N, C-alpha and C. Protein backbone atom coordinates (compact mmCIF):
# COMPACT_ATOMS: atom_id res chain seq x y z
N UNK A 1 3.36 20.60 -16.24
CA UNK A 1 3.97 21.89 -15.06
C UNK A 1 4.99 21.24 -14.37
N UNK A 2 5.93 22.41 -14.02
CA UNK A 2 7.13 22.23 -13.12
C UNK A 2 7.31 21.45 -11.84
N UNK A 3 8.13 21.26 -11.34
CA UNK A 3 8.22 20.17 -10.25
C UNK A 3 7.50 21.05 -8.96
N UNK A 4 7.21 20.72 -8.14
CA UNK A 4 6.68 21.43 -7.20
C UNK A 4 7.57 21.80 -5.53
N UNK A 5 7.99 22.69 -5.10
CA UNK A 5 8.71 23.09 -4.37
C UNK A 5 8.46 22.81 -3.20
N UNK A 6 9.35 21.50 -2.84
CA UNK A 6 8.90 21.14 -1.14
C UNK A 6 10.05 21.72 -0.16
N UNK A 7 9.62 21.99 0.92
CA UNK A 7 10.41 22.38 2.27
C UNK A 7 10.70 21.53 2.94
N UNK A 8 11.60 20.66 3.17
CA UNK A 8 11.65 19.63 4.15
C UNK A 8 12.07 19.82 5.21
N UNK A 9 11.63 20.27 6.12
CA UNK A 9 11.78 21.15 7.64
C UNK A 9 12.33 19.85 8.62
N UNK A 10 13.50 19.84 9.25
CA UNK A 10 14.03 19.09 10.41
C UNK A 10 13.71 19.93 11.68
N UNK A 11 13.04 19.30 12.55
CA UNK A 11 12.29 19.69 13.52
C UNK A 11 12.76 19.77 14.68
N UNK A 12 14.37 19.35 14.97
CA UNK A 12 15.04 18.95 16.10
C UNK A 12 16.49 19.58 16.04
N UNK A 13 17.38 19.83 16.86
CA UNK A 13 18.55 20.59 16.81
C UNK A 13 19.60 19.85 17.85
N UNK A 14 19.12 18.64 18.50
CA UNK A 14 19.61 17.94 19.51
C UNK A 14 20.81 17.58 19.58
N UNK A 15 21.73 17.08 20.35
CA UNK A 15 22.90 16.14 19.64
C UNK A 15 22.64 14.86 19.41
N UNK A 16 22.90 14.41 18.59
CA UNK A 16 23.10 12.45 18.35
C UNK A 16 21.29 12.47 17.76
N UNK A 17 20.72 13.76 17.60
CA UNK A 17 19.09 13.75 17.24
C UNK A 17 18.88 12.35 16.20
N UNK A 18 17.67 11.65 16.37
CA UNK A 18 17.30 10.80 15.64
C UNK A 18 16.66 11.65 14.00
N UNK A 19 16.42 12.80 14.06
CA UNK A 19 15.71 13.36 13.02
C UNK A 19 16.21 12.86 11.87
N UNK A 20 17.55 13.17 11.82
CA UNK A 20 18.86 12.93 10.18
C UNK A 20 18.22 11.56 9.97
N UNK A 21 17.71 10.60 10.84
CA UNK A 21 17.30 9.11 10.25
C UNK A 21 16.29 9.37 9.60
N UNK A 22 15.43 9.81 10.62
CA UNK A 22 13.86 9.91 9.46
C UNK A 22 13.66 10.95 8.48
N UNK A 23 14.37 12.08 8.47
CA UNK A 23 14.38 13.30 7.44
C UNK A 23 14.85 12.34 6.40
N UNK A 24 16.54 11.76 6.21
CA UNK A 24 17.01 11.33 5.55
C UNK A 24 16.41 9.84 4.55
N UNK A 25 15.36 9.43 5.57
CA UNK A 25 14.22 7.60 4.70
C UNK A 25 13.28 8.94 4.16
N UNK A 26 12.44 10.16 4.96
CA UNK A 26 11.63 11.26 4.21
C UNK A 26 12.06 11.66 2.70
N UNK A 27 12.98 12.32 2.70
CA UNK A 27 13.75 12.92 1.76
C UNK A 27 13.60 11.71 0.36
N UNK A 28 14.35 10.29 0.85
CA UNK A 28 14.25 9.57 -0.39
C UNK A 28 13.01 9.34 -0.92
N UNK A 29 12.09 8.97 -0.31
CA UNK A 29 10.84 8.76 -0.31
C UNK A 29 9.81 9.51 -1.14
N UNK A 30 10.47 11.40 -0.74
CA UNK A 30 9.76 12.18 -1.68
C UNK A 30 10.45 12.24 -2.77
N UNK A 31 11.92 11.81 -2.98
CA UNK A 31 12.73 11.94 -4.40
C UNK A 31 12.21 11.09 -5.48
N UNK A 32 11.87 9.58 -4.45
CA UNK A 32 11.37 8.60 -5.26
C UNK A 32 9.75 8.93 -5.84
N UNK A 33 9.16 9.48 -5.17
CA UNK A 33 7.60 9.77 -5.53
C UNK A 33 7.92 10.82 -6.90
N UNK A 34 8.73 11.41 -7.30
CA UNK A 34 9.17 12.38 -8.30
C UNK A 34 8.44 13.09 -8.53
N UNK A 35 8.61 14.40 -9.55
CA UNK A 35 7.76 15.60 -9.28
C UNK A 35 7.86 16.92 -8.29
N UNK A 36 8.79 16.63 -7.69
CA UNK A 36 9.31 17.22 -6.25
C UNK A 36 10.93 17.75 -6.04
N UNK A 37 10.96 19.24 -6.14
CA UNK A 37 12.07 19.65 -6.10
C UNK A 37 12.20 19.87 -4.16
N UNK A 38 13.15 19.24 -3.78
CA UNK A 38 13.70 19.55 -2.76
C UNK A 38 14.39 20.60 -1.84
N UNK A 39 13.86 20.67 -0.96
CA UNK A 39 14.80 21.93 -0.04
C UNK A 39 14.72 21.63 1.31
N UNK A 40 15.84 20.62 1.83
CA UNK A 40 16.04 20.19 2.97
C UNK A 40 16.08 21.59 3.76
N UNK A 41 15.53 22.02 4.85
CA UNK A 41 15.71 23.23 5.82
C UNK A 41 15.95 22.68 7.34
N UNK A 42 17.26 22.57 7.70
CA UNK A 42 17.76 22.09 8.75
C UNK A 42 18.29 23.38 9.68
N UNK A 43 17.52 23.52 11.02
CA UNK A 43 17.55 24.32 11.53
C UNK A 43 19.30 24.71 12.05
N UNK A 44 20.01 23.51 12.57
CA UNK A 44 21.24 23.51 12.51
C UNK A 44 22.38 24.57 11.46
N UNK A 45 21.60 24.56 10.26
CA UNK A 45 22.61 24.98 9.45
C UNK A 45 22.17 26.30 8.94
N UNK A 46 20.96 26.95 9.26
CA UNK A 46 20.24 28.32 9.33
C UNK A 46 20.90 29.30 9.86
N UNK A 47 21.74 29.63 10.37
CA UNK A 47 22.41 30.68 11.05
C UNK A 47 21.41 31.55 11.91
N UNK A 48 20.09 31.14 12.38
CA UNK A 48 19.42 31.80 13.08
C UNK A 48 20.14 31.95 14.12
N UNK A 49 19.10 33.72 14.86
CA UNK A 49 19.87 33.98 16.17
C UNK A 49 19.31 33.11 17.37
N UNK A 50 19.91 33.33 18.23
CA UNK A 50 19.19 33.19 19.60
C UNK A 50 17.84 32.91 19.63
N UNK A 51 17.23 32.36 20.58
CA UNK A 51 15.74 32.48 20.86
C UNK A 51 15.18 33.72 21.66
N UNK A 52 15.92 34.57 21.71
CA UNK A 52 15.52 35.87 22.96
C UNK A 52 14.45 36.34 22.14
N UNK A 53 13.76 36.43 20.89
CA UNK A 53 12.59 37.12 20.60
C UNK A 53 12.91 37.81 19.03
N UNK A 54 14.25 38.14 18.76
CA UNK A 54 14.82 38.76 17.96
C UNK A 54 14.52 37.51 16.51
N UNK A 55 13.74 38.42 15.32
CA UNK A 55 13.17 37.69 14.36
C UNK A 55 13.74 38.58 13.15
N UNK A 56 15.20 39.33 13.39
CA UNK A 56 15.50 39.69 12.27
C UNK A 56 17.09 39.33 11.77
N UNK A 57 17.92 39.94 10.89
CA UNK A 57 19.37 39.34 10.44
C UNK A 57 19.25 38.40 9.26
N UNK A 58 20.47 38.34 8.54
CA UNK A 58 20.55 37.82 7.39
C UNK A 58 19.91 35.85 7.37
N UNK A 59 20.10 35.80 8.37
CA UNK A 59 19.90 34.18 8.76
C UNK A 59 18.25 34.14 9.02
N UNK A 60 17.34 35.11 9.01
CA UNK A 60 16.14 35.00 9.41
C UNK A 60 15.33 35.20 8.06
N UNK A 61 16.20 36.12 7.61
CA UNK A 61 15.75 36.65 5.91
C UNK A 61 16.10 35.95 5.12
N UNK A 62 17.01 34.91 4.94
CA UNK A 62 17.27 33.47 4.04
C UNK A 62 16.21 32.83 4.56
N UNK A 63 16.26 32.37 5.75
CA UNK A 63 15.12 31.58 5.91
C UNK A 63 13.80 31.96 5.68
N UNK A 64 13.52 32.62 5.80
CA UNK A 64 11.98 33.45 5.38
C UNK A 64 11.75 33.49 3.91
N UNK A 65 12.80 33.69 3.16
CA UNK A 65 12.98 33.79 1.58
C UNK A 65 12.70 32.08 1.07
N UNK A 66 13.38 31.12 1.90
CA UNK A 66 13.47 29.47 1.42
C UNK A 66 11.89 29.18 1.51
N UNK A 67 11.38 29.71 3.11
CA UNK A 67 9.80 29.65 3.19
C UNK A 67 8.65 29.85 2.04
N UNK A 68 9.27 31.52 1.71
CA UNK A 68 8.46 31.78 0.66
C UNK A 68 8.36 31.04 -0.66
N UNK A 69 9.61 30.46 -1.12
CA UNK A 69 9.89 29.50 -2.26
C UNK A 69 8.96 28.52 -2.40
N UNK A 70 8.98 27.96 -0.92
CA UNK A 70 8.40 26.29 -1.21
C UNK A 70 6.96 26.18 -1.53
N UNK A 71 6.33 25.57 -1.80
CA UNK A 71 4.85 25.37 -2.23
C UNK A 71 4.34 24.55 -1.72
N UNK A 72 4.99 23.66 -0.63
CA UNK A 72 4.73 22.80 -0.04
C UNK A 72 5.70 22.44 1.23
N UNK A 73 5.34 22.12 2.32
CA UNK A 73 6.08 21.42 3.49
C UNK A 73 6.04 20.29 4.05
N UNK A 74 6.99 19.13 4.22
CA UNK A 74 6.91 18.20 4.62
C UNK A 74 7.71 18.56 6.31
N UNK A 75 6.99 18.53 7.38
CA UNK A 75 7.70 18.57 8.80
C UNK A 75 7.95 17.41 9.40
N UNK A 76 9.23 17.24 9.79
CA UNK A 76 9.59 15.99 10.49
C UNK A 76 9.98 16.12 11.37
N UNK A 77 9.18 15.89 12.45
CA UNK A 77 8.90 16.05 14.49
C UNK A 77 8.94 15.27 15.06
N UNK A 78 10.04 15.30 16.12
CA UNK A 78 9.98 14.41 17.07
C UNK A 78 9.02 14.72 18.35
N UNK A 79 8.54 14.00 19.25
CA UNK A 79 8.04 14.24 20.18
C UNK A 79 8.23 14.40 21.77
N UNK A 80 8.71 15.63 22.14
CA UNK A 80 9.57 15.56 23.38
C UNK A 80 8.71 16.28 24.39
N UNK A 81 8.63 15.37 25.62
CA UNK A 81 7.60 15.56 26.38
C UNK A 81 6.17 15.97 25.93
N UNK A 82 5.64 15.15 25.12
CA UNK A 82 4.29 15.44 24.81
C UNK A 82 3.83 16.68 23.79
N UNK A 83 4.96 17.15 23.38
CA UNK A 83 5.04 17.77 22.65
C UNK A 83 6.17 18.36 21.39
N UNK A 84 5.78 19.51 20.34
CA UNK A 84 7.09 19.05 19.35
C UNK A 84 8.28 20.53 19.68
N UNK A 85 9.50 20.22 19.59
CA UNK A 85 10.37 20.68 19.65
C UNK A 85 10.28 22.39 20.05
N UNK A 86 11.35 23.17 20.65
CA UNK A 86 11.13 24.71 20.88
C UNK A 86 11.79 25.48 19.38
N UNK A 87 12.66 24.37 18.99
CA UNK A 87 13.41 25.17 17.52
C UNK A 87 12.19 25.09 16.87
N UNK A 88 11.47 24.40 16.70
CA UNK A 88 10.09 24.38 15.30
C UNK A 88 9.68 25.34 15.78
N UNK A 89 9.28 25.49 16.83
CA UNK A 89 8.24 26.94 16.74
C UNK A 89 8.90 28.09 16.43
N UNK A 90 10.25 28.19 17.04
CA UNK A 90 11.29 29.64 16.52
C UNK A 90 11.23 29.52 15.08
N UNK A 91 11.06 28.31 14.34
CA UNK A 91 11.46 28.29 13.18
C UNK A 91 10.03 28.90 12.75
N UNK A 92 8.94 28.58 13.20
CA UNK A 92 7.77 28.41 12.68
C UNK A 92 7.34 30.14 12.37
N UNK A 93 7.35 30.79 13.81
CA UNK A 93 7.51 32.17 14.31
C UNK A 93 8.14 33.33 13.50
N UNK A 94 9.28 32.61 12.80
CA UNK A 94 10.12 33.82 12.11
C UNK A 94 9.57 33.91 10.73
N UNK A 95 8.71 33.36 10.59
CA UNK A 95 7.51 33.45 9.00
C UNK A 95 6.41 33.75 9.53
N UNK A 96 5.61 34.48 8.52
CA UNK A 96 4.21 34.68 8.43
C UNK A 96 3.58 34.16 7.63
N UNK A 97 3.42 35.86 6.54
CA UNK A 97 2.69 35.29 5.25
C UNK A 97 3.39 34.39 4.27
N UNK A 98 4.60 34.15 4.57
CA UNK A 98 5.43 33.26 3.41
C UNK A 98 4.86 31.38 3.59
N UNK A 99 4.44 31.25 4.95
CA UNK A 99 3.43 29.95 5.52
C UNK A 99 2.04 30.04 4.71
N UNK A 100 1.23 31.45 4.34
CA UNK A 100 -0.14 31.18 3.99
C UNK A 100 -0.23 30.56 2.44
N UNK A 101 -1.60 29.88 2.34
CA UNK A 101 -1.98 29.35 1.38
C UNK A 101 -1.38 27.99 0.97
N UNK A 102 -0.28 27.44 1.73
CA UNK A 102 0.50 26.69 1.35
C UNK A 102 0.20 25.48 2.01
N UNK A 103 0.50 23.77 1.62
CA UNK A 103 0.08 22.62 2.36
C UNK A 103 1.17 22.49 3.30
N UNK A 104 1.01 21.96 4.31
CA UNK A 104 1.80 21.26 5.06
C UNK A 104 1.51 19.80 5.77
N UNK A 105 2.61 18.65 5.21
CA UNK A 105 2.40 17.31 5.84
C UNK A 105 3.34 17.14 7.29
N UNK A 106 2.84 15.93 7.81
CA UNK A 106 4.24 15.78 8.71
C UNK A 106 4.26 14.50 8.82
N UNK A 107 5.69 14.08 9.08
CA UNK A 107 6.65 12.67 9.09
C UNK A 107 6.74 12.88 11.02
N UNK A 108 5.98 12.33 11.49
CA UNK A 108 6.37 12.22 13.44
C UNK A 108 6.96 10.94 13.82
N UNK A 109 7.83 11.06 15.14
CA UNK A 109 8.31 9.85 15.42
C UNK A 109 8.54 10.33 16.97
N UNK A 110 8.47 8.98 17.70
CA UNK A 110 8.87 9.36 19.29
C UNK A 110 8.41 8.11 19.76
N UNK A 111 8.28 7.90 20.80
CA UNK A 111 7.73 6.61 21.73
C UNK A 111 6.49 5.81 21.49
N UNK A 112 5.87 5.38 22.24
CA UNK A 112 4.64 4.63 22.03
C UNK A 112 3.17 5.89 21.32
N UNK A 113 3.45 7.23 21.23
CA UNK A 113 2.68 7.64 20.43
C UNK A 113 3.27 7.81 18.84
N UNK A 114 4.33 8.01 18.85
CA UNK A 114 4.89 7.79 17.32
C UNK A 114 5.02 9.43 16.92
N UNK A 115 4.79 10.48 17.73
CA UNK A 115 4.97 11.66 17.99
C UNK A 115 3.43 12.64 17.36
N UNK A 116 2.40 11.57 17.41
CA UNK A 116 1.00 12.21 16.99
C UNK A 116 0.76 13.52 17.63
N UNK A 117 0.88 13.75 19.21
CA UNK A 117 0.51 14.49 20.41
C UNK A 117 1.22 15.83 19.52
N UNK A 118 2.80 15.54 18.95
CA UNK A 118 3.24 16.88 18.24
C UNK A 118 2.62 17.51 17.41
N UNK A 119 2.36 16.73 16.30
CA UNK A 119 1.34 17.10 15.13
C UNK A 119 0.08 17.14 15.24
N UNK A 120 -0.53 16.84 16.11
CA UNK A 120 -1.95 17.41 17.08
C UNK A 120 -1.69 19.23 17.16
N UNK A 121 -0.49 19.54 18.19
CA UNK A 121 -0.57 20.78 18.42
C UNK A 121 0.14 21.49 17.35
N UNK A 122 0.75 20.91 16.33
CA UNK A 122 1.53 21.73 15.32
C UNK A 122 -0.05 21.99 14.20
N UNK A 123 -0.66 21.38 14.51
CA UNK A 123 -2.39 21.70 13.41
C UNK A 123 -2.90 23.04 14.00
N UNK A 124 -2.52 23.31 14.96
CA UNK A 124 -2.98 24.40 15.64
C UNK A 124 -2.39 25.69 15.46
N UNK A 125 -1.20 25.75 15.49
CA UNK A 125 0.01 26.43 15.21
C UNK A 125 -0.29 26.89 13.52
N UNK A 126 -0.11 25.82 12.52
CA UNK A 126 -0.22 26.15 11.34
C UNK A 126 -1.62 26.61 10.68
N UNK A 127 -2.79 26.31 11.39
CA UNK A 127 -3.87 27.12 10.93
C UNK A 127 -3.99 28.42 11.40
N UNK A 128 -3.15 29.02 12.43
CA UNK A 128 -3.41 30.63 12.82
C UNK A 128 -2.44 31.23 11.80
N UNK A 129 -1.49 30.27 11.13
CA UNK A 129 -0.44 30.76 9.97
C UNK A 129 -1.57 30.94 8.41
N UNK A 130 -2.69 30.36 8.34
CA UNK A 130 -3.55 30.09 7.19
C UNK A 130 -2.76 29.34 6.15
N UNK A 131 -2.11 28.28 7.02
CA UNK A 131 -1.56 27.19 6.13
C UNK A 131 -2.77 26.07 6.04
N UNK A 132 -2.26 24.97 5.11
CA UNK A 132 -3.21 23.78 5.27
C UNK A 132 -2.63 22.63 5.87
N UNK A 133 -3.09 22.17 6.66
CA UNK A 133 -2.32 20.90 7.03
C UNK A 133 -3.19 19.52 6.71
N UNK A 134 -2.60 18.51 6.29
CA UNK A 134 -3.37 17.25 5.68
C UNK A 134 -3.40 16.41 6.85
N UNK A 135 -4.68 15.88 6.79
CA UNK A 135 -5.05 14.71 7.51
C UNK A 135 -3.96 13.52 7.52
N UNK A 136 -3.65 13.00 6.11
CA UNK A 136 -2.76 12.09 6.07
C UNK A 136 -1.55 12.44 6.65
N UNK A 137 -1.16 11.38 7.37
CA UNK A 137 0.71 11.84 8.08
C UNK A 137 1.43 10.32 8.29
N UNK A 138 2.42 10.53 8.46
CA UNK A 138 3.18 9.18 8.68
C UNK A 138 3.47 9.45 10.09
N UNK A 139 3.66 8.24 10.62
CA UNK A 139 3.87 8.47 12.32
C UNK A 139 4.60 6.89 12.59
N UNK A 140 5.77 7.09 13.29
CA UNK A 140 6.61 5.98 13.86
C UNK A 140 6.81 5.97 15.16
N UNK A 141 5.96 5.24 15.71
CA UNK A 141 6.52 4.60 16.93
C UNK A 141 7.47 3.96 17.56
N UNK A 142 7.97 4.22 18.28
CA UNK A 142 9.14 3.78 18.79
C UNK A 142 10.06 3.78 17.64
N UNK A 143 10.63 4.75 17.33
CA UNK A 143 11.17 4.77 15.64
C UNK A 143 12.57 4.36 15.77
N UNK A 144 13.72 4.61 16.75
CA UNK A 144 14.72 3.71 16.62
C UNK A 144 14.62 2.20 16.43
N UNK A 145 13.79 1.57 16.77
CA UNK A 145 13.24 0.31 16.50
C UNK A 145 13.44 -0.08 14.86
N UNK A 146 12.42 0.86 14.23
CA UNK A 146 11.56 0.80 13.23
C UNK A 146 12.96 0.92 11.98
N UNK A 147 14.05 1.20 12.26
CA UNK A 147 15.24 1.37 11.36
C UNK A 147 16.31 0.71 11.63
N UNK A 148 17.36 0.21 10.62
CA UNK A 148 18.39 -0.27 10.65
C UNK A 148 19.96 0.58 10.80
N UNK A 149 21.14 -0.08 10.90
CA UNK A 149 22.09 0.52 11.06
C UNK A 149 22.25 1.48 10.42
N UNK A 150 21.62 1.39 9.00
CA UNK A 150 22.22 1.98 7.73
C UNK A 150 21.22 3.11 7.26
N UNK A 151 19.89 3.00 8.19
CA UNK A 151 19.12 4.00 8.27
C UNK A 151 17.45 3.60 7.20
N UNK A 152 17.41 2.36 7.20
CA UNK A 152 16.74 1.57 6.10
C UNK A 152 15.49 1.57 6.98
N UNK A 153 14.41 1.31 6.74
CA UNK A 153 12.84 0.92 7.55
C UNK A 153 13.29 -0.30 7.52
N UNK A 154 13.21 -1.13 8.71
CA UNK A 154 12.74 -2.71 8.86
C UNK A 154 11.15 -2.72 8.38
N UNK A 155 10.83 -3.70 7.79
CA UNK A 155 9.45 -3.75 7.72
C UNK A 155 8.71 -2.45 6.98
N UNK A 156 9.08 -1.87 6.00
CA UNK A 156 9.07 -0.84 5.36
C UNK A 156 7.29 -0.83 4.79
N UNK A 157 6.83 -1.70 4.54
CA UNK A 157 5.30 -1.89 3.80
C UNK A 157 4.49 -0.73 4.08
N UNK A 158 3.88 -1.13 5.41
CA UNK A 158 2.79 -0.20 6.07
C UNK A 158 3.43 1.32 5.80
N UNK A 159 4.65 1.72 6.33
CA UNK A 159 5.09 3.08 6.68
C UNK A 159 5.48 3.81 4.91
N UNK A 160 5.70 2.85 3.91
CA UNK A 160 6.30 3.60 2.56
C UNK A 160 4.45 3.61 2.15
N UNK A 161 3.83 2.87 2.69
CA UNK A 161 2.27 3.43 1.74
C UNK A 161 1.62 4.02 2.56
N UNK A 162 1.88 4.79 3.64
CA UNK A 162 1.28 5.78 4.41
C UNK A 162 2.02 6.97 3.56
N UNK A 163 3.47 6.92 3.43
CA UNK A 163 3.67 7.93 3.11
C UNK A 163 3.40 8.15 1.34
N UNK A 164 3.52 7.45 0.41
CA UNK A 164 2.97 7.35 -0.85
C UNK A 164 1.40 8.26 -0.49
N UNK A 165 0.54 7.63 0.51
CA UNK A 165 -0.46 8.33 0.38
C UNK A 165 -0.50 9.93 0.76
N UNK A 166 0.14 10.15 1.65
CA UNK A 166 0.90 11.61 2.16
C UNK A 166 0.89 12.14 1.05
N UNK A 167 1.86 11.89 0.06
CA UNK A 167 2.44 12.64 -0.53
C UNK A 167 1.70 12.78 -1.88
N UNK A 168 0.72 11.74 -2.32
CA UNK A 168 -0.25 12.01 -2.99
C UNK A 168 -1.55 13.28 -2.55
N UNK A 169 -1.35 13.35 -1.51
CA UNK A 169 -2.47 14.48 -1.14
C UNK A 169 -1.73 15.36 -1.19
N UNK A 170 -0.62 15.64 -0.66
CA UNK A 170 0.40 17.09 -0.66
C UNK A 170 0.66 17.37 -2.19
N UNK A 171 0.67 16.47 -3.09
CA UNK A 171 0.90 17.04 -4.85
C UNK A 171 -0.35 17.98 -4.59
N UNK A 172 -1.62 17.07 -4.69
CA UNK A 172 -2.72 17.51 -4.92
C UNK A 172 -3.27 19.27 -4.27
N UNK A 173 -2.68 19.09 -3.04
CA UNK A 173 -3.06 20.34 -2.20
C UNK A 173 -2.06 21.87 -3.34
N UNK A 174 -0.75 21.01 -3.10
CA UNK A 174 0.70 21.85 -3.46
C UNK A 174 -0.27 22.61 -5.10
N UNK A 175 -0.34 21.66 -5.88
CA UNK A 175 -1.05 22.01 -7.41
C UNK A 175 -2.20 23.00 -7.27
N UNK A 176 -2.88 22.30 -6.49
CA UNK A 176 -4.44 23.69 -6.34
C UNK A 176 -3.99 24.84 -5.84
N UNK A 177 -3.14 24.81 -4.91
CA UNK A 177 -3.16 26.06 -4.04
C UNK A 177 -2.18 27.09 -4.69
N UNK A 178 -0.93 26.29 -5.48
CA UNK A 178 -0.39 27.08 -6.42
C UNK A 178 -1.05 27.58 -7.43
N UNK A 179 -1.89 27.24 -8.16
CA UNK A 179 -3.27 27.64 -9.13
C UNK A 179 -3.69 28.60 -8.49
N UNK A 180 -4.42 28.42 -7.08
CA UNK A 180 -5.51 29.46 -6.74
C UNK A 180 -4.50 30.55 -6.41
N UNK A 181 -3.28 30.84 -6.04
CA UNK A 181 -2.48 31.81 -5.37
C UNK A 181 -2.03 32.59 -6.85
N UNK A 182 -2.09 31.80 -7.63
CA UNK A 182 -1.45 32.58 -9.12
C UNK A 182 -2.42 33.44 -9.64
N UNK A 183 -4.13 33.01 -9.70
CA UNK A 183 -5.24 33.76 -9.75
C UNK A 183 -5.54 34.70 -9.09
N UNK A 184 -5.38 34.45 -7.82
CA UNK A 184 -5.86 35.86 -6.73
C UNK A 184 -4.53 35.69 -5.58
N UNK A 185 -3.73 36.34 -5.14
CA UNK A 185 -2.94 36.19 -3.74
C UNK A 185 -3.55 35.91 -2.59
N UNK A 186 -3.04 34.68 -1.60
CA UNK A 186 -4.31 35.40 -0.47
C UNK A 186 -4.27 36.47 0.09
N UNK A 187 -3.11 37.19 0.15
CA UNK A 187 -3.13 38.20 0.63
C UNK A 187 -4.38 39.38 0.59
N UNK A 188 -4.66 39.17 -0.84
CA UNK A 188 -6.03 39.99 -1.55
C UNK A 188 -7.32 39.16 -0.76
N UNK A 189 -7.69 37.94 -0.44
CA UNK A 189 -8.60 37.11 -0.04
C UNK A 189 -8.89 37.50 2.00
N UNK A 190 -7.95 38.28 1.99
CA UNK A 190 -7.84 38.68 3.21
C UNK A 190 -7.80 40.31 3.54
N UNK A 191 -8.06 41.07 2.64
CA UNK A 191 -8.28 42.05 2.32
C UNK A 191 -9.39 42.91 3.04
């Protein structure tokens, strides 16, 4: 079977964001797992409109096309003030049917909670979009302390093991849902 197309979604646009380090590590682990074609989706590079509510234009159309092509997602999200960032909600809301019947996994980071409060809120959002969120996540508490200056994990054993478990589940869900969508488009199930 062909490689599974994974959209690796960066959940932050802040200056000096730590998301680049975490997403870089996640990308390396996804590539190391093999069998995935990775599409990094960074909101800084999307050309999306401002957050005034507009959901049209070339940038949005190109983003929706990338979400539509992807067969699974890994969302890298920080936790800001006990929630996920506004840019992530804006990106999610720019598409609808493109998310449906596809699995979503999370790599979160933050302070003591490791971003888990953001993930729990994102589960509610993705459920409304008919996406399947994975139980297995990777959570990085006090993330800046977990990486060295070159972006490598310090004491990586537990975290890389958690990532391997998550990617194995993501592969199963992506393969299963790919086959299901080929037999019957999800829109038909809702008609």
